[in-house]
Amino acid sequence: LMQLNEERKEMTTQAVERLTEQLEQQETPMEKVLVLYDGEIHESIAGIVAGRIKDKYYHPTILITKAEEGAKGSARSIEGYHIFEALYNCRELFTRFGGHAMAAGLSLPHENIPILRQRLNEDCSLTEQDMTPVLRIEKILDFSQVHMKLAEELKGLAPFGKENPSPLFATQHVWVERIRLVGKNKDMMQLTLREDASRMVLSAVDFNGLENLRGILKELYPAEDCDKIIQYGKLPMALDFVYSIDINSYNGRQSIQLVIRDFRVSK
């Protein structure tokens, strides 16, 4: 099972990289609704890949791949775009479809894919503001307010999901004391964070923020120095972090761990 899961993750990573390259290299402006076709992607991971592309660009995304009969796809949407209603308005193009506001599945003949792309984008009323992701923060905290009792109380609100999102908090003016790159591709960050106000130190993990950090550094330093700064492991500027609060268990010991959702340079 572990081997199959690793193979599935590798297939997902390769598919996301291939589609990202395709989107980045196209000469025309990015459409509001992304209707992508890749016959090499296995239909079992189409929904996961569509979700990754949707998260990366914050556009409604439909990923279509080759099926035994015609084509088959999965859709993932954003707030303010009811993907099932959009598909229902094009229902004559499908052999089968179903879903809800944020996700859907569909089957259709190959020749209907460009028609679907055109129809969805012609009917789409999303604005630039609609396609700007928003993180809803419960409260700005000092690290002195982040303790095990709070983490246990938050854990009692689980399970978290679409209708019960994990509470997010923010802390301003935090110094990164240590960066450690982990994971198979060295693209996840384990962080040691020290807050200015309380001088307290907390551990954190960031699964998707490495490219964001590189982008911030490239605005301040020569490109060739950015990876050196990350490898050094200590940033020369303070950041504001948005995070959820988790409990890390290791060797029978429990400790607070922040799960980073976003960050920016402190004002």
C-alpha atoms as a PDB file:
ATOM      1  CA  LEU A   1       0.000   0.000   0.000  1.00  0.00           C
ATOM      2  CA  MET A   2       2.817   2.398   0.849  1.00  0.00           C
ATOM      3  CA  GLN A   3       4.523   1.667  -2.482  1.00  0.00           C
ATOM      4  CA  LEU A   4       1.291   2.233  -4.412  1.00  0.00           C
ATOM      5  CA  ASN A   5       0.719   5.476  -2.522  1.00  0.00           C
ATOM      6  CA  GLU A   6       4.230   6.703  -3.364  1.00  0.00           C
ATOM      7  CA  GLU A   7       3.668   5.841  -7.039  1.00  0.00           C
ATOM      8  CA  ARG A   8       0.353   7.714  -6.956  1.00  0.00           C
ATOM      9  CA  LYS A   9       1.985  10.786  -5.401  1.00  0.00           C
ATOM     10  CA  GLU A  10       4.757  10.723  -8.001  1.00  0.00           C
ATOM     11  CA  MET A  11       2.186  10.463 -10.817  1.00  0.00           C
ATOM     12  CA  THR A  12       0.324  13.428  -9.314  1.00  0.00           C
ATOM     13  CA  THR A  13       3.487  15.535  -9.030  1.00  0.00           C
ATOM     14  CA  GLN A  14       4.482  14.815 -12.636  1.00  0.00           C
ATOM     15  CA  ALA A  15       0.991  15.628 -13.917  1.00  0.00           C
ATOM     16  CA  VAL A  16       0.857  18.941 -12.022  1.00  0.00           C
ATOM     17  CA  GLU A  17       4.317  19.917 -13.320  1.00  0.00           C
ATOM     18  CA  ARG A  18       3.338  19.050 -16.903  1.00  0.00           C
ATOM     19  CA  LEU A  19       0.100  21.059 -16.769  1.00  0.00           C
ATOM     20  CA  THR A  20       1.812  23.981 -15.016  1.00  0.00           C
ATOM     21  CA  GLU A  21       4.420  24.139 -17.776  1.00  0.00           C
ATOM     22  CA  GLN A  22       1.639  24.034 -20.371  1.00  0.00           C
ATOM     23  CA  LEU A  23      -0.202  26.928 -18.719  1.00  0.00           C
ATOM     24  CA  GLU A  24       2.936  29.014 -18.152  1.00  0.00           C
ATOM     25  CA  GLN A  25       4.097  28.670 -21.754  1.00  0.00           C
ATOM     26  CA  GLN A  26       0.829  29.487 -23.509  1.00  0.00           C
ATOM     27  CA  GLU A  27       0.889  32.810 -25.338  1.00  0.00           C
ATOM     28  CA  THR A  28      -2.775  33.726 -24.788  1.00  0.00           C
ATOM     29  CA  PRO A  29      -4.046  35.095 -21.447  1.00  0.00           C
ATOM     30  CA  MET A  30      -5.203  32.501 -18.956  1.00  0.00           C
ATOM     31  CA  GLU A  31      -8.930  31.810 -19.220  1.00  0.00           C
ATOM     32  CA  LYS A  32     -11.178  32.240 -16.201  1.00  0.00           C
ATOM     33  CA  VAL A  33     -12.303  28.604 -16.287  1.00  0.00           C
ATOM     34  CA  LEU A  34      -9.426  26.227 -16.987  1.00  0.00           C
ATOM     35  CA  VAL A  35     -10.500  23.266 -19.127  1.00  0.00           C
ATOM     36  CA  LEU A  36      -7.380  21.127 -19.530  1.00  0.00           C
ATOM     37  CA  TYR A  37      -6.859  17.867 -21.409  1.00  0.00           C
ATOM     38  CA  ASP A  38      -4.058  15.381 -20.760  1.00  0.00           C
ATOM     39  CA  GLY A  39      -4.608  11.840 -21.981  1.00  0.00           C
ATOM     40  CA  GLU A  40      -1.645  10.509 -19.959  1.00  0.00           C
ATOM     41  CA  ILE A  41      -3.193  11.286 -16.563  1.00  0.00           C
ATOM     42  CA  HIS A  42      -4.921   8.323 -14.951  1.00  0.00           C
ATOM     43  CA  GLU A  43      -8.548   9.090 -14.189  1.00  0.00           C
ATOM     44  CA  SER A  44      -8.080   7.986 -10.540  1.00  0.00           C
ATOM     45  CA  ILE A  45      -5.886  11.040  -9.821  1.00  0.00           C
ATOM     46  CA  ALA A  46      -7.671  13.543 -12.089  1.00  0.00           C
ATOM     47  CA  GLY A  47      -9.568  15.090  -9.183  1.00  0.00           C
ATOM     48  CA  ILE A  48      -6.417  15.491  -7.080  1.00  0.00           C
ATOM     49  CA  VAL A  49      -4.518  17.084  -9.971  1.00  0.00           C
ATOM     50  CA  ALA A  50      -7.441  19.399 -10.783  1.00  0.00           C
ATOM     51  CA  GLY A  51      -7.485  20.477  -7.136  1.00  0.00           C
ATOM     52  CA  ARG A  52      -3.755  21.234  -7.172  1.00  0.00           C
ATOM     53  CA  ILE A  53      -4.060  23.363 -10.310  1.00  0.00           C
ATOM     54  CA  LYS A  54      -7.098  25.127  -8.851  1.00  0.00           C
ATOM     55  CA  ASP A  55      -5.159  25.896  -5.654  1.00  0.00           C
ATOM     56  CA  LYS A  56      -2.108  27.120  -7.602  1.00  0.00           C
ATOM     57  CA  TYR A  57      -3.955  29.551  -9.884  1.00  0.00           C
ATOM     58  CA  TYR A  58      -7.265  29.964  -7.995  1.00  0.00           C
ATOM     59  CA  HIS A  59      -9.343  29.423 -11.111  1.00  0.00           C
ATOM     60  CA  PRO A  60     -12.143  26.863 -11.515  1.00  0.00           C
ATOM     61  CA  THR A  61     -10.390  23.873 -13.089  1.00  0.00           C
ATOM     62  CA  ILE A  62     -11.652  20.926 -15.119  1.00  0.00           C
ATOM     63  CA  LEU A  63      -9.102  18.246 -15.919  1.00  0.00           C
ATOM     64  CA  ILE A  64     -10.132  15.832 -18.670  1.00  0.00           C
ATOM     65  CA  THR A  65      -8.301  12.653 -19.569  1.00  0.00           C
ATOM     66  CA  LYS A  66      -8.716   9.676 -21.871  1.00  0.00           C
ATOM     67  CA  ALA A  67     -11.306   7.056 -20.935  1.00  0.00           C
ATOM     68  CA  GLU A  68     -12.374   3.702 -22.396  1.00  0.00           C
ATOM     69  CA  GLU A  69     -15.180   5.499 -24.205  1.00  0.00           C
ATOM     70  CA  GLY A  70     -14.489   9.132 -25.040  1.00  0.00           C
ATOM     71  CA  ALA A  71     -13.097  11.364 -22.296  1.00  0.00           C
ATOM     72  CA  LYS A  72     -13.624  11.636 -18.562  1.00  0.00           C
ATOM     73  CA  GLY A  73     -12.911  14.535 -16.234  1.00  0.00           C
ATOM     74  CA  SER A  74     -12.990  15.954 -12.733  1.00  0.00           C
ATOM     75  CA  ALA A  75     -13.755  19.543 -11.800  1.00  0.00           C
ATOM     76  CA  ARG A  76     -12.745  21.605  -8.754  1.00  0.00           C
ATOM     77  CA  SER A  77     -14.079  25.086  -8.167  1.00  0.00           C
ATOM     78  CA  ILE A  78     -13.573  28.228  -6.079  1.00  0.00           C
ATOM     79  CA  GLU A  79     -15.882  30.291  -3.881  1.00  0.00           C
ATOM     80  CA  GLY A  80     -18.429  32.146  -5.976  1.00  0.00           C
ATOM     81  CA  TYR A  81     -18.475  29.740  -8.940  1.00  0.00           C
ATOM     82  CA  HIS A  82     -21.068  26.952  -8.756  1.00  0.00           C
ATOM     83  CA  ILE A  83     -19.430  24.360 -10.965  1.00  0.00           C
ATOM     84  CA  PHE A  84     -22.423  22.008 -11.117  1.00  0.00           C
ATOM     85  CA  GLU A  85     -24.737  24.797 -12.301  1.00  0.00           C
ATOM     86  CA  ALA A  86     -22.173  25.802 -14.940  1.00  0.00           C
ATOM     87  CA  LEU A  87     -22.015  22.212 -16.202  1.00  0.00           C
ATOM     88  CA  TYR A  88     -25.796  21.867 -16.081  1.00  0.00           C
ATOM     89  CA  ASN A  89     -26.075  24.774 -18.497  1.00  0.00           C
ATOM     90  CA  CYS A  90     -23.935  22.718 -20.922  1.00  0.00           C
ATOM     91  CA  ARG A  91     -25.601  19.390 -20.132  1.00  0.00           C
ATOM     92  CA  GLU A  92     -26.175  18.417 -23.765  1.00  0.00           C
ATOM     93  CA  LEU A  93     -22.389  18.105 -24.202  1.00  0.00           C
ATOM     94  CA  PHE A  94     -22.059  15.253 -21.676  1.00  0.00           C
ATOM     95  CA  THR A  95     -22.837  11.570 -21.675  1.00  0.00           C
ATOM     96  CA  ARG A  96     -22.790  11.696 -17.854  1.00  0.00           C
ATOM     97  CA  PHE A  97     -22.128  14.342 -15.208  1.00  0.00           C
ATOM     98  CA  GLY A  98     -22.831  15.071 -11.554  1.00  0.00           C
ATOM     99  CA  GLY A  99     -21.536  16.951  -8.561  1.00  0.00           C
ATOM    100  CA  HIS A 100     -22.143  19.997  -6.411  1.00  0.00           C
ATOM    101  CA  ALA A 101     -21.011  23.619  -6.050  1.00  0.00           C
ATOM    102  CA  MET A 102     -17.317  22.920  -5.503  1.00  0.00           C
ATOM    103  CA  ALA A 103     -16.630  19.641  -7.326  1.00  0.00           C
ATOM    104  CA  ALA A 104     -17.999  17.551 -10.172  1.00  0.00           C
ATOM    105  CA  GLY A 105     -17.294  14.625 -12.441  1.00  0.00           C
ATOM    106  CA  LEU A 106     -18.132  14.339 -16.141  1.00  0.00           C
ATOM    107  CA  SER A 107     -17.870  12.176 -19.260  1.00  0.00           C
ATOM    108  CA  LEU A 108     -18.094  13.502 -22.795  1.00  0.00           C
ATOM    109  CA  PRO A 109     -16.959  12.846 -26.400  1.00  0.00           C
ATOM    110  CA  HIS A 110     -13.520  14.243 -27.257  1.00  0.00           C
ATOM    111  CA  GLU A 111     -14.946  16.580 -29.887  1.00  0.00           C
ATOM    112  CA  ASN A 112     -17.037  18.374 -27.225  1.00  0.00           C
ATOM    113  CA  ILE A 113     -14.029  19.464 -25.112  1.00  0.00           C
ATOM    114  CA  PRO A 114     -13.259  22.712 -27.038  1.00  0.00           C
ATOM    115  CA  ILE A 115     -16.990  23.508 -27.128  1.00  0.00           C
ATOM    116  CA  LEU A 116     -17.182  23.061 -23.342  1.00  0.00           C
ATOM    117  CA  ARG A 117     -14.160  25.314 -22.859  1.00  0.00           C
ATOM    118  CA  GLN A 118     -15.675  28.045 -25.022  1.00  0.00           C
ATOM    119  CA  ARG A 119     -19.156  27.843 -23.490  1.00  0.00           C
ATOM    120  CA  LEU A 120     -17.968  27.931 -19.874  1.00  0.00           C
ATOM    121  CA  ASN A 121     -15.721  30.935 -20.451  1.00  0.00           C
ATOM    122  CA  GLU A 122     -18.308  32.853 -22.465  1.00  0.00           C
ATOM    123  CA  ASP A 123     -20.820  32.432 -19.628  1.00  0.00           C
ATOM    124  CA  CYS A 124     -18.354  33.061 -16.772  1.00  0.00           C
ATOM    125  CA  SER A 125     -18.887  36.294 -14.813  1.00  0.00           C
ATOM    126  CA  LEU A 126     -15.983  35.919 -12.350  1.00  0.00           C
ATOM    127  CA  THR A 127     -14.001  39.111 -11.692  1.00  0.00           C
ATOM    128  CA  GLU A 128     -10.316  39.474 -10.780  1.00  0.00           C
ATOM    129  CA  GLN A 129     -11.404  40.029  -7.185  1.00  0.00           C
ATOM    130  CA  ASP A 130     -13.390  36.768  -7.249  1.00  0.00           C
ATOM    131  CA  MET A 131     -10.246  34.950  -8.396  1.00  0.00           C
ATOM    132  CA  THR A 132      -8.113  36.322  -5.572  1.00  0.00           C
ATOM    133  CA  PRO A 133      -7.994  33.754  -2.750  1.00  0.00           C
ATOM    134  CA  VAL A 134      -8.993  34.944   0.706  1.00  0.00           C
ATOM    135  CA  LEU A 135      -7.876  33.441   4.025  1.00  0.00           C
ATOM    136  CA  ARG A 136     -10.354  34.081   6.840  1.00  0.00           C
ATOM    137  CA  ILE A 137      -8.485  34.584  10.092  1.00  0.00           C
ATOM    138  CA  GLU A 138     -10.156  34.049  13.477  1.00  0.00           C
ATOM    139  CA  LYS A 139      -7.748  36.214  15.484  1.00  0.00           C
ATOM    140  CA  ILE A 140      -4.255  37.721  15.582  1.00  0.00           C
ATOM    141  CA  LEU A 141      -2.317  36.002  18.380  1.00  0.00           C
ATOM    142  CA  ASP A 142       0.952  36.420  20.215  1.00  0.00           C
ATOM    143  CA  PHE A 143       2.897  33.170  20.558  1.00  0.00           C
ATOM    144  CA  SER A 144       2.296  33.403  24.323  1.00  0.00           C
ATOM    145  CA  GLN A 145      -1.380  32.694  23.573  1.00  0.00           C
ATOM    146  CA  VAL A 146      -0.574  29.526  21.611  1.00  0.00           C
ATOM    147  CA  HIS A 147      -0.449  26.663  24.129  1.00  0.00           C
ATOM    148  CA  MET A 148      -1.413  22.999  24.476  1.00  0.00           C
ATOM    149  CA  LYS A 149      -4.791  23.726  26.072  1.00  0.00           C
ATOM    150  CA  LEU A 150      -5.798  25.848  23.056  1.00  0.00           C
ATOM    151  CA  ALA A 151      -4.557  23.162  20.660  1.00  0.00           C
ATOM    152  CA  GLU A 152      -6.596  20.495  22.467  1.00  0.00           C
ATOM    153  CA  GLU A 153      -9.716  22.692  22.444  1.00  0.00           C
ATOM    154  CA  LEU A 154      -9.319  23.271  18.694  1.00  0.00           C
ATOM    155  CA  LYS A 155      -8.819  19.542  18.135  1.00  0.00           C
ATOM    156  CA  GLY A 156     -12.198  19.009  19.785  1.00  0.00           C
ATOM    157  CA  LEU A 157     -13.824  20.930  16.918  1.00  0.00           C
ATOM    158  CA  ALA A 158     -12.638  18.335  14.359  1.00  0.00           C
ATOM    159  CA  PRO A 159     -13.198  16.805  11.870  1.00  0.00           C
ATOM    160  CA  PHE A 160     -12.465  19.765   9.629  1.00  0.00           C
ATOM    161  CA  GLY A 161     -13.628  20.093   6.036  1.00  0.00           C
ATOM    162  CA  LYS A 162     -15.572  22.248   3.614  1.00  0.00           C
ATOM    163  CA  GLU A 163     -18.429  23.076   5.991  1.00  0.00           C
ATOM    164  CA  ASN A 164     -16.201  23.138   9.079  1.00  0.00           C
ATOM    165  CA  PRO A 165     -12.863  24.693   8.069  1.00  0.00           C
ATOM    166  CA  SER A 166      -9.880  24.476  10.392  1.00  0.00           C
ATOM    167  CA  PRO A 167      -9.589  27.778  12.349  1.00  0.00           C
ATOM    168  CA  LEU A 168      -6.781  30.013  11.105  1.00  0.00           C
ATOM    169  CA  PHE A 169      -4.782  32.472  13.170  1.00  0.00           C
ATOM    170  CA  ALA A 170      -2.089  35.030  12.432  1.00  0.00           C
ATOM    171  CA  THR A 171       1.011  36.333  14.182  1.00  0.00           C
ATOM    172  CA  GLN A 172       2.861  39.414  13.019  1.00  0.00           C
ATOM    173  CA  HIS A 173       6.563  40.212  13.000  1.00  0.00           C
ATOM    174  CA  VAL A 174       8.018  36.728  13.365  1.00  0.00           C
ATOM    175  CA  TRP A 175      11.665  35.837  12.740  1.00  0.00           C
ATOM    176  CA  VAL A 176      12.635  32.583  11.054  1.00  0.00           C
ATOM    177  CA  GLU A 177      15.464  31.153  13.165  1.00  0.00           C
ATOM    178  CA  ARG A 178      15.840  27.901  11.222  1.00  0.00           C
ATOM    179  CA  ILE A 179      14.714  26.373   7.920  1.00  0.00           C
ATOM    180  CA  ARG A 180      15.056  22.673   7.202  1.00  0.00           C
ATOM    181  CA  LEU A 181      13.956  21.312   3.821  1.00  0.00           C
ATOM    182  CA  VAL A 182      12.365  17.869   4.084  1.00  0.00           C
ATOM    183  CA  GLY A 183      10.332  15.452   1.979  1.00  0.00           C
ATOM    184  CA  LYS A 184      11.290  13.345  -1.010  1.00  0.00           C
ATOM    185  CA  ASN A 185      11.734  16.402  -3.240  1.00  0.00           C
ATOM    186  CA  LYS A 186      13.012  18.698  -0.461  1.00  0.00           C
ATOM    187  CA  ASP A 187      10.053  21.012  -1.066  1.00  0.00           C
ATOM    188  CA  MET A 188       8.545  21.071   2.448  1.00  0.00           C
ATOM    189  CA  MET A 189       9.865  23.357   5.174  1.00  0.00           C
ATOM    190  CA  GLN A 190      10.294  22.664   8.859  1.00  0.00           C
ATOM    191  CA  LEU A 191      10.655  26.020  10.586  1.00  0.00           C
ATOM    192  CA  THR A 192      11.722  27.372  13.949  1.00  0.00           C
ATOM    193  CA  LEU A 193       9.935  30.685  14.532  1.00  0.00           C
ATOM    194  CA  ARG A 194      10.565  33.406  17.120  1.00  0.00           C
ATOM    195  CA  GLU A 195       8.027  36.136  17.680  1.00  0.00           C
ATOM    196  CA  ASP A 196       9.223  39.664  18.442  1.00  0.00           C
ATOM    197  CA  ALA A 197       6.594  40.605  21.020  1.00  0.00           C
ATOM    198  CA  SER A 198       6.801  37.613  23.378  1.00  0.00           C
ATOM    199  CA  ARG A 199      10.269  36.326  22.306  1.00  0.00           C
ATOM    200  CA  MET A 200       8.701  32.860  22.365  1.00  0.00           C
ATOM    201  CA  VAL A 201       9.816  30.145  19.932  1.00  0.00           C
ATOM    202  CA  LEU A 202       7.500  27.642  18.196  1.00  0.00           C
ATOM    203  CA  SER A 203       7.985  24.921  15.607  1.00  0.00           C
ATOM    204  CA  ALA A 204       6.103  25.015  12.320  1.00  0.00           C
ATOM    205  CA  VAL A 205       5.728  23.058   9.106  1.00  0.00           C
ATOM    206  CA  ASP A 206       4.919  24.468   5.653  1.00  0.00           C
ATOM    207  CA  PHE A 207       3.968  22.000   2.927  1.00  0.00           C
ATOM    208  CA  ASN A 208       3.574  24.447   0.029  1.00  0.00           C
ATOM    209  CA  GLY A 209       5.380  27.694   0.848  1.00  0.00           C
ATOM    210  CA  LEU A 210       8.868  27.167  -0.553  1.00  0.00           C
ATOM    211  CA  GLU A 211       8.144  28.842  -3.904  1.00  0.00           C
ATOM    212  CA  ASN A 212       6.434  31.733  -2.101  1.00  0.00           C
ATOM    213  CA  LEU A 213       9.579  32.196   0.007  1.00  0.00           C
ATOM    214  CA  ARG A 214      11.809  32.101  -3.071  1.00  0.00           C
ATOM    215  CA  GLY A 215       9.570  34.726  -4.717  1.00  0.00           C
ATOM    216  CA  ILE A 216       9.852  37.033  -1.686  1.00  0.00           C
ATOM    217  CA  LEU A 217      13.641  36.668  -1.575  1.00  0.00           C
ATOM    218  CA  LYS A 218      14.007  37.308  -5.326  1.00  0.00           C
ATOM    219  CA  GLU A 219      12.344  40.709  -4.854  1.00  0.00           C
ATOM    220  CA  LEU A 220      15.008  41.651  -2.309  1.00  0.00           C
ATOM    221  CA  TYR A 221      18.200  39.841  -3.357  1.00  0.00           C
ATOM    222  CA  PRO A 222      19.947  38.614  -6.510  1.00  0.00           C
ATOM    223  CA  ALA A 223      18.424  35.344  -7.743  1.00  0.00           C
ATOM    224  CA  GLU A 224      21.664  33.390  -7.241  1.00  0.00           C
ATOM    225  CA  ASP A 225      21.671  34.282  -3.515  1.00  0.00           C
ATOM    226  CA  CYS A 226      18.109  33.150  -2.716  1.00  0.00           C
ATOM    227  CA  ASP A 227      18.791  29.415  -2.373  1.00  0.00           C
ATOM    228  CA  LYS A 228      21.927  30.207  -0.372  1.00  0.00           C
ATOM    229  CA  ILE A 229      19.815  32.189   2.119  1.00  0.00           C
ATOM    230  CA  ILE A 230      17.334  29.300   2.419  1.00  0.00           C
ATOM    231  CA  GLN A 231      20.171  26.802   2.891  1.00  0.00           C
ATOM    232  CA  TYR A 232      21.686  29.066   5.544  1.00  0.00           C
ATOM    233  CA  GLY A 233      18.373  28.621   7.311  1.00  0.00           C
ATOM    234  CA  LYS A 234      17.909  32.056   8.861  1.00  0.00           C
ATOM    235  CA  LEU A 235      16.027  34.874   7.156  1.00  0.00           C
ATOM    236  CA  PRO A 236      17.180  38.503   7.396  1.00  0.00           C
ATOM    237  CA  MET A 237      13.635  39.877   7.600  1.00  0.00           C
ATOM    238  CA  ALA A 238      10.549  39.407   9.778  1.00  0.00           C
ATOM    239  CA  LEU A 239       7.406  37.805   8.351  1.00  0.00           C
ATOM    240  CA  ASP A 240       3.694  37.728   9.162  1.00  0.00           C
ATOM    241  CA  PHE A 241       2.321  34.163   9.284  1.00  0.00           C
ATOM    242  CA  VAL A 242      -1.154  32.653   8.891  1.00  0.00           C
ATOM    243  CA  TYR A 243      -1.470  29.167  10.361  1.00  0.00           C
ATOM    244  CA  SER A 244      -3.568  26.494  11.986  1.00  0.00           C
ATOM    245  CA  ILE A 245      -2.557  25.014  15.344  1.00  0.00           C
ATOM    246  CA  ASP A 246      -1.770  21.310  15.529  1.00  0.00           C
ATOM    247  CA  ILE A 247      -0.352  18.822  18.043  1.00  0.00           C
ATOM    248  CA  ASN A 248       2.773  16.952  16.974  1.00  0.00           C
ATOM    249  CA  SER A 249       3.337  13.537  18.569  1.00  0.00           C
ATOM    250  CA  TYR A 250       6.841  12.047  18.453  1.00  0.00           C
ATOM    251  CA  ASN A 251       8.370   9.308  20.620  1.00  0.00           C
ATOM    252  CA  GLY A 252       5.487   9.568  23.056  1.00  0.00           C
ATOM    253  CA  ARG A 253       5.900  13.320  23.529  1.00  0.00           C
ATOM    254  CA  GLN A 254       3.446  15.967  22.377  1.00  0.00           C
ATOM    255  CA  SER A 255       4.250  19.531  21.348  1.00  0.00           C
ATOM    256  CA  ILE A 256       2.616  22.462  19.584  1.00  0.00           C
ATOM    257  CA  GLN A 257       3.148  22.640  15.830  1.00  0.00           C
ATOM    258  CA  LEU A 258       1.948  25.441  13.589  1.00  0.00           C
ATOM    259  CA  VAL A 259       0.810  24.405  10.110  1.00  0.00           C
ATOM    260  CA  ILE A 260       1.611  27.398   7.903  1.00  0.00           C
ATOM    261  CA  ARG A 261      -0.970  28.448   5.333  1.00  0.00           C
ATOM    262  CA  ASP A 262       0.603  31.694   4.092  1.00  0.00           C
ATOM    263  CA  PHE A 263       3.132  34.395   4.945  1.00  0.00           C
ATOM    264  CA  ARG A 264       4.326  37.812   3.806  1.00  0.00           C
ATOM    265  CA  VAL A 265       7.054  40.307   4.678  1.00  0.00           C
ATOM    266  CA  SER A 266       6.113  42.319   7.789  1.00  0.00           C
ATOM    267  CA  LYS A 267       5.332  45.979   7.220  1.00  0.00           C
END
